[in-house]
């Protein structure tokens, strides 16, 4: 419902609201919000009193609803911005005026601020939801102030704000029907931010010493200054050691990774080499096939001188000596006969034809 209501409000604002001087041709903010004039709002448009129901319906059409929100806005943060966003969108057509209290008034009723009033004014002027900034805003709103700035409604969270001897400084605004409530953002406030700084004081002092601030600027004594500087040196050494450890771990990891890759590649190459070796020199390898083919080729090119039909590898043919070769070797004078050739052969068995032929052949040789 809220989102749809805001959508209708944006349409009404585009139809009836005058062009904002801060916006460029595409609606982008080009300038900070203006400061309110000391004389108040000088618009010539009639300013009649509105009810919340009328304002929610988008009336009056000839002017925006003037909503006022005030505060200290020290250490301006997202909680402040969200509250101002709600105040800006509480009605369809809203002109948001923000009042910022001065340093003197804030220090008197609330306490010291981190930012000066000029810094706080400037922070509010550069918030996109703010249309106008009132400097040195009053702590308690008066009827004269509301009339001077032609304020229709006041926006603030609904929690009673006890201050300046009052149980709720917005009580009379609520009774007049001019109060619209916004929601606080939990978990973020100026007090929370200051608490973080105080709690971690040593850390922030050391941080600023590292950034070049002097001990005098930080209101730090001589002993504490040296303690913080020593702690900074120790932290640097720890960081250096941690960095070296991380780099060493990374280096070892890379070496292990490279070693594993080398081992894997070596195993792959070894398997490939063994496979190629077996393909070449194995029982069914190419080398044996080549040898077989080479032997067959040599046998075909240089055959034995043997009669047809006799096998070339017959051992009987190798041992037999032809009669012609025997007579030639016997008649040659240059080749002396060896004793073994003159020795008589072993006596064959009697009664066989082969033994008689061998005896007659040996007798002819001796003659």
Protein backbone atom coordinates (compact mmCIF):
# COMPACT_ATOMS: atom_id res chain seq x y z
CA UNK A 1 0.00 0.00 0.00
CA UNK A 2 2.76 2.41 0.90
CA UNK A 3 4.59 1.73 -2.34
CA UNK A 4 1.45 2.25 -4.41
CA UNK A 5 0.54 5.37 -2.52
CA UNK A 6 3.98 6.78 -3.20
CA UNK A 7 3.62 5.88 -6.85
CA UNK A 8 0.38 7.88 -7.14
CA UNK A 9 2.02 10.69 -5.22
CA UNK A 10 4.88 10.86 -7.67
CA UNK A 11 2.39 11.18 -10.51
CA UNK A 12 0.55 13.99 -8.70
CA UNK A 13 3.84 15.70 -8.01
CA UNK A 14 4.79 15.56 -11.68
CA UNK A 15 1.43 16.99 -12.72
CA UNK A 16 0.99 19.79 -10.19
CA UNK A 17 4.33 20.60 -8.54
CA UNK A 18 6.52 23.29 -10.11
CA UNK A 19 9.89 22.29 -11.60
CA UNK A 20 12.53 22.00 -8.88
CA UNK A 21 15.42 24.36 -9.56
CA UNK A 22 17.85 21.70 -8.23
CA UNK A 23 16.93 19.19 -10.93
CA UNK A 24 18.60 18.91 -14.31
CA UNK A 25 16.93 17.95 -17.59
CA UNK A 26 16.69 14.26 -16.55
CA UNK A 27 15.66 14.85 -12.94
CA UNK A 28 19.20 14.53 -11.57
CA UNK A 29 20.06 16.81 -8.66
CA UNK A 30 22.62 19.40 -9.75
CA UNK A 31 22.66 21.78 -6.74
CA UNK A 32 22.39 21.44 -2.96
CA UNK A 33 19.22 22.41 -1.14
CA UNK A 34 18.72 26.09 -0.42
CA UNK A 35 18.89 27.70 3.01
CA UNK A 36 15.62 29.06 4.34
CA UNK A 37 15.39 32.84 4.36
CA UNK A 38 15.52 34.56 7.70
CA UNK A 39 12.21 36.22 6.88
CA UNK A 40 10.53 32.88 6.33
CA UNK A 41 8.51 31.64 3.38
CA UNK A 42 7.55 34.47 1.01
CA UNK A 43 5.33 32.50 -1.36
CA UNK A 44 2.35 34.42 -2.75
CA UNK A 45 0.25 31.26 -2.99
CA UNK A 46 -2.48 31.22 -0.34
CA UNK A 47 -1.60 28.95 2.54
CA UNK A 48 -4.71 27.45 4.08
CA UNK A 49 -4.65 24.92 6.91
CA UNK A 50 -4.74 21.27 5.81
CA UNK A 51 -5.82 18.08 7.45
CA UNK A 52 -3.81 14.87 7.14
CA UNK A 53 -6.63 13.30 5.10
CA UNK A 54 -6.56 16.17 2.60
CA UNK A 55 -2.77 15.99 2.31
CA UNK A 56 -2.86 12.24 1.71
CA UNK A 57 -5.36 12.77 -1.14
CA UNK A 58 -2.84 15.08 -2.83
CA UNK A 59 -4.64 18.32 -2.17
CA UNK A 60 -4.25 21.19 -2.53
CA UNK A 61 -3.24 20.84 -6.15
CA UNK A 62 -1.77 24.33 -6.54
CA UNK A 63 1.00 23.89 -3.94
CA UNK A 64 3.02 21.16 -2.20
CA UNK A 65 2.47 20.16 1.40
CA UNK A 66 5.19 21.77 3.54
CA UNK A 67 6.59 19.19 6.00
CA UNK A 68 9.14 20.11 8.66
CA UNK A 69 11.67 17.73 10.29
CA UNK A 70 14.29 18.88 12.78
CA UNK A 71 17.25 17.37 14.60
CA UNK A 72 20.96 17.58 15.40
CA UNK A 73 22.11 15.28 12.56
CA UNK A 74 25.59 14.82 14.02
CA UNK A 75 27.70 12.26 12.11
CA UNK A 76 25.00 12.17 9.44
CA UNK A 77 24.25 8.49 8.71
CA UNK A 78 21.75 6.19 7.01
CA UNK A 79 19.31 6.37 9.92
CA UNK A 80 18.98 10.13 9.39
CA UNK A 81 18.60 9.68 5.63
CA UNK A 82 15.87 7.04 6.03
CA UNK A 83 13.87 9.27 8.37
CA UNK A 84 14.07 12.15 5.88
CA UNK A 85 13.07 9.83 3.05
CA UNK A 86 9.94 8.85 4.98
CA UNK A 87 9.13 12.48 5.69
CA UNK A 88 9.57 13.36 2.03
CA UNK A 89 7.20 10.58 0.91
CA UNK A 90 4.57 10.81 3.65
CA UNK A 91 2.32 12.78 1.24
CA UNK A 92 2.07 12.64 -2.54
CA UNK A 93 3.37 16.17 -3.07
CA UNK A 94 5.80 17.25 -0.33
CA UNK A 95 8.22 20.11 0.16
CA UNK A 96 10.58 18.96 2.93
CA UNK A 97 12.07 21.58 5.26
CA UNK A 98 14.79 20.42 7.65
CA UNK A 99 15.75 22.39 10.75
CA UNK A 100 19.26 21.96 12.20
CA UNK A 101 20.03 23.17 15.72
CA UNK A 102 23.14 25.24 16.35
CA UNK A 103 26.18 24.15 18.37
CA UNK A 104 25.32 26.42 21.29
CA UNK A 105 21.79 25.10 21.62
CA UNK A 106 22.86 21.47 21.17
CA UNK A 107 25.71 21.68 23.71
CA UNK A 108 23.32 23.22 26.19
CA UNK A 109 20.48 20.69 25.97
CA UNK A 110 22.05 17.50 24.61
CA UNK A 111 25.83 17.51 24.68
CA UNK A 112 28.89 18.08 22.56
CA UNK A 113 28.85 17.21 18.89
CA UNK A 114 31.56 15.74 16.71
CA UNK A 115 30.71 17.87 13.70
CA UNK A 116 30.37 21.63 13.77
CA UNK A 117 27.06 23.27 12.89
CA UNK A 118 28.41 24.39 9.48
CA UNK A 119 29.39 20.80 8.68
CA UNK A 120 25.96 19.58 9.75
CA UNK A 121 24.19 22.25 7.69
CA UNK A 122 26.20 21.28 4.63
CA UNK A 123 25.55 17.56 5.14
CA UNK A 124 21.78 18.17 5.12
CA UNK A 125 21.94 20.40 2.06
CA UNK A 126 23.44 17.53 0.07
CA UNK A 127 20.79 14.98 1.04
CA UNK A 128 18.58 14.25 -1.97
CA UNK A 129 15.32 14.29 0.03
CA UNK A 130 15.82 17.79 1.47
CA UNK A 131 14.37 20.84 -0.30
CA UNK A 132 15.22 23.53 2.25
CA UNK A 133 17.45 23.85 5.35
CA UNK A 134 16.69 26.07 8.34
CA UNK A 135 19.83 27.13 10.20
CA UNK A 136 19.85 27.64 13.97
CA UNK A 137 16.50 25.90 14.33
CA UNK A 138 14.67 26.26 17.66
CA UNK A 139 14.76 23.45 20.23
CA UNK A 140 11.00 23.71 20.83
CA UNK A 141 8.67 24.66 17.99
CA UNK A 142 6.52 27.71 18.52
CA UNK A 143 3.39 28.87 16.73
CA UNK A 144 5.27 31.88 15.38
CA UNK A 145 7.96 29.67 13.85
CA UNK A 146 5.37 27.40 12.21
CA UNK A 147 3.55 30.39 10.70
CA UNK A 148 6.79 32.06 9.60
CA UNK A 149 7.81 29.06 7.49
CA UNK A 150 4.22 28.11 6.57
CA UNK A 151 4.65 24.59 7.96
CA UNK A 152 1.71 22.23 7.48
CA UNK A 153 3.03 19.18 9.34
CA UNK A 154 5.97 18.10 11.51
CA UNK A 155 7.61 14.70 10.95
CA UNK A 156 9.46 12.79 13.66
CA UNK A 157 9.47 9.33 15.22
CA UNK A 158 6.58 8.71 17.60
CA UNK A 159 8.73 8.04 20.69
CA UNK A 160 8.25 10.83 23.27
CA UNK A 161 11.31 13.12 23.16
CA UNK A 162 12.09 14.25 26.70
CA UNK A 163 14.22 17.41 26.81
CA UNK A 164 14.37 20.97 28.12
CA UNK A 165 12.14 20.15 31.08
CA UNK A 166 9.40 18.68 28.90
CA UNK A 167 8.22 15.09 28.78
CA UNK A 168 7.67 15.39 25.03
CA UNK A 169 8.71 18.45 23.04
CA UNK A 170 6.28 17.47 20.25
CA UNK A 171 3.25 17.09 22.53
CA UNK A 172 1.57 20.33 21.46
CA UNK A 173 2.20 19.49 17.78
CA UNK A 174 0.49 16.12 18.22
CA UNK A 175 -2.47 17.76 19.97
CA UNK A 176 -2.84 20.21 17.09
CA UNK A 177 -3.10 17.36 14.55
CA UNK A 178 0.06 18.46 12.75
CA UNK A 179 2.29 15.47 13.64
CA UNK A 180 3.18 12.67 11.20
CA UNK A 181 5.23 9.75 12.53
CA UNK A 182 8.31 8.20 10.93
CA UNK A 183 10.08 4.97 11.88
CA UNK A 184 13.52 4.82 13.47
CA UNK A 185 16.22 2.64 11.91
CA UNK A 186 17.39 0.10 14.46
CA UNK A 187 21.10 -0.58 14.94
CA UNK A 188 22.38 2.79 13.78
CA UNK A 189 22.53 6.12 15.60
CA UNK A 190 25.03 8.84 16.40
CA UNK A 191 25.42 7.49 19.93
CA UNK A 192 26.15 4.00 18.55
CA UNK A 193 28.89 5.37 16.29
CA UNK A 194 30.51 7.29 19.14
CA UNK A 195 30.32 4.18 21.34
CA UNK A 196 32.23 2.19 18.72
CA UNK A 197 34.97 4.82 18.59
CA UNK A 198 35.29 5.01 22.37
CA UNK A 199 35.28 1.24 22.73
CA UNK A 200 38.03 0.79 20.13
CA UNK A 201 39.92 3.94 21.08
CA UNK A 202 43.39 2.37 20.88
CA UNK A 203 42.75 0.99 17.41
CA UNK A 204 41.68 4.36 16.01
CA UNK A 205 44.56 6.22 17.70
CA UNK A 206 47.05 3.80 16.17
CA UNK A 207 45.27 4.12 12.83
CA UNK A 208 45.60 7.90 12.81
CA UNK A 209 49.21 7.77 13.96
CA UNK A 210 49.93 5.56 10.96
CA UNK A 211 48.18 8.09 8.72
CA UNK A 212 50.47 10.87 9.80
CA UNK A 213 48.61 12.59 12.65
CA UNK A 214 50.81 13.75 15.50
CA UNK A 215 50.42 12.65 19.10
CA UNK A 216 49.64 16.24 20.01
CA UNK A 217 46.77 16.41 17.54
CA UNK A 218 45.41 13.17 19.00
CA UNK A 219 45.95 14.35 22.58
CA UNK A 220 48.16 11.33 23.30
CA UNK A 221 50.99 11.41 25.87
CA UNK A 222 54.61 10.43 25.20
CA UNK A 223 54.36 6.99 26.82
CA UNK A 224 51.14 6.06 25.06
CA UNK A 225 52.49 7.35 21.75
CA UNK A 226 55.51 5.04 21.94
CA UNK A 227 53.33 2.16 23.07
CA UNK A 228 51.03 2.63 20.09
CA UNK A 229 53.94 2.95 17.68
CA UNK A 230 55.51 -0.25 19.09
CA UNK A 231 52.19 -2.03 18.67
CA UNK A 232 52.03 -0.81 15.08
CA UNK A 233 55.53 -2.22 14.41
CA UNK A 234 54.56 -5.56 15.97
CA UNK A 235 51.42 -5.67 13.83
CA UNK A 236 53.49 -4.94 10.71
CA UNK A 237 55.88 -7.78 11.57
CA UNK A 238 52.95 -10.14 12.13
CA UNK A 239 51.46 -9.11 8.82
CA UNK A 240 54.81 -9.64 7.08
CA UNK A 241 55.18 -13.11 8.61
CA UNK A 242 51.62 -13.95 7.64
CA UNK A 243 52.25 -12.78 4.09
CA UNK A 244 55.44 -14.85 3.84
CA UNK A 245 53.61 -17.91 5.15
CA UNK A 246 50.86 -17.46 2.62
CA UNK A 247 53.36 -17.07 -0.20
CA UNK A 248 55.31 -20.12 0.99
CA UNK A 249 52.16 -22.21 1.11
CA UNK A 250 51.28 -21.04 -2.35
CA UNK A 251 54.79 -21.84 -3.63
CA UNK A 252 54.76 -25.33 -2.10
CA UNK A 253 51.34 -25.97 -3.52
CA UNK A 254 52.51 -24.93 -6.99
CA UNK A 255 55.63 -27.13 -6.72
CA UNK A 256 53.50 -30.11 -5.70
CA UNK A 257 51.11 -29.41 -8.51
CA UNK A 258 53.97 -29.18 -11.05
CA UNK A 259 55.57 -32.35 -9.68
CA UNK A 260 52.32 -34.23 -9.98
CA UNK A 261 51.96 -33.01 -13.55
CA UNK A 262 55.50 -34.15 -14.40
CA UNK A 263 54.92 -37.59 -12.86
CA UNK A 264 51.67 -37.97 -14.76
CA UNK A 265 53.29 -36.95 -18.03
CA UNK A 266 56.26 -39.29 -17.38
CA UNK A 267 53.88 -42.19 -16.78
CA UNK A 268 51.98 -41.40 -19.95
CA UNK A 269 55.22 -41.20 -21.99
CA UNK A 270 56.50 -44.46 -20.44
CA UNK A 271 53.32 -46.30 -21.35
CA UNK A 272 53.50 -44.88 -24.84
CA UNK A 273 57.18 -45.93 -25.24
CA UNK A 274 56.51 -49.48 -24.00
CA UNK A 275 53.52 -49.80 -26.27
CA UNK A 276 55.51 -48.63 -29.30
CA UNK A 277 58.42 -50.95 -28.40
CA UNK A 278 56.11 -53.96 -28.18
CA UNK A 279 54.43 -53.06 -31.43
CA UNK A 280 57.85 -52.95 -33.12
CA UNK A 281 59.85 -55.74 -31.44
CA UNK A 282 57.19 -57.98 -29.93
CA UNK A 283 56.36 -61.54 -31.11
CA UNK A 284 53.94 -60.19 -33.66
CA UNK A 285 55.84 -56.95 -34.18
CA UNK A 286 56.81 -55.24 -37.37
CA UNK A 287 60.51 -56.06 -36.90
CA UNK A 288 59.91 -59.85 -37.10
CA UNK A 289 57.70 -59.39 -40.14
CA UNK A 290 60.50 -57.42 -41.84
CA UNK A 291 63.07 -60.12 -40.98
CA UNK A 292 60.86 -62.87 -42.39
CA UNK A 293 60.29 -60.96 -45.60
CA UNK A 294 64.03 -60.16 -45.90
CA UNK A 295 64.93 -63.88 -45.48
CA UNK A 296 62.45 -64.93 -48.11
CA UNK A 297 63.77 -62.30 -50.49
CA UNK A 298 67.41 -63.38 -50.00
CA UNK A 299 66.42 -67.02 -50.49
CA UNK A 300 64.67 -66.10 -53.71
CA UNK A 301 67.66 -64.11 -55.03
CA UNK A 302 70.40 -66.70 -54.18
CA UNK A 303 69.03 -70.31 -54.41
CA UNK A 304 71.16 -73.46 -53.78
CA UNK A 305 72.77 -75.26 -56.87
CA UNK A 306 70.93 -78.49 -56.54
CA UNK A 307 69.13 -80.85 -58.90
CA UNK A 308 65.52 -80.10 -59.49
CA UNK A 309 63.15 -81.60 -57.07
CA UNK A 310 65.71 -82.02 -54.27
CA UNK A 311 65.19 -79.85 -51.17
CA UNK A 312 67.79 -77.13 -50.70
CA UNK A 313 68.14 -77.70 -47.03
CA UNK A 314 68.73 -81.49 -47.25
CA UNK A 315 71.66 -82.48 -45.00
CA UNK A 316 72.42 -85.55 -47.12
CA UNK A 317 73.07 -83.38 -50.16
CA UNK A 318 75.50 -81.15 -48.24
CA UNK A 319 77.57 -84.15 -47.06
CA UNK A 320 77.68 -86.03 -50.44
CA UNK A 321 80.65 -85.27 -52.75
CA UNK A 322 80.34 -85.64 -56.52
CA UNK A 323 82.87 -87.88 -58.36
CA UNK A 324 83.97 -85.05 -60.59
CA UNK A 325 84.87 -82.76 -57.68
CA UNK A 326 86.72 -85.62 -55.97
CA UNK A 327 88.86 -86.44 -59.02
CA UNK A 328 89.62 -82.76 -59.62
CA UNK A 329 90.84 -82.26 -56.11
CA UNK A 330 92.96 -85.40 -56.31
CA UNK A 331 94.65 -84.49 -59.59
CA UNK A 332 95.50 -80.92 -58.51
CA UNK A 333 99.19 -80.77 -57.53
CA UNK A 334 98.96 -77.53 -55.62
CA UNK A 335 96.49 -78.80 -53.08
CA UNK A 336 98.02 -81.47 -50.91
CA UNK A 337 95.72 -84.09 -49.67
CA UNK A 338 95.03 -84.03 -46.00
CA UNK A 339 95.64 -87.08 -43.94
CA UNK A 340 92.05 -87.34 -43.18
CA UNK A 341 91.24 -87.71 -46.86
CA UNK A 342 93.70 -90.65 -47.21
CA UNK A 343 92.48 -92.49 -44.19
CA UNK A 344 90.29 -95.39 -45.04
CA UNK A 345 86.68 -95.06 -44.22
CA UNK A 346 85.07 -97.03 -41.52
CA UNK A 347 84.40 -100.56 -42.51
CA UNK A 348 80.91 -100.92 -43.77
CA UNK A 349 78.68 -103.77 -43.00
CA UNK A 350 79.34 -106.90 -45.01
CA UNK A 351 76.93 -108.21 -47.54
CA UNK A 352 75.46 -104.80 -48.53
CA UNK A 353 75.55 -103.22 -51.98
CA UNK A 354 76.52 -99.80 -50.63
CA UNK A 355 79.59 -101.20 -48.87
CA UNK A 356 80.88 -102.85 -52.06
CA UNK A 357 80.46 -99.62 -54.05
CA UNK A 358 82.28 -97.60 -51.45
CA UNK A 359 85.24 -100.07 -51.43
CA UNK A 360 85.66 -100.04 -55.17
CA UNK A 361 85.56 -96.25 -55.28
CA UNK A 362 88.25 -96.01 -52.62
CA UNK A 363 90.48 -98.50 -54.54
CA UNK A 364 90.26 -96.42 -57.69
CA UNK A 365 91.29 -93.29 -55.79
CA UNK A 366 94.38 -95.01 -54.36
CA UNK A 367 95.45 -96.23 -57.80
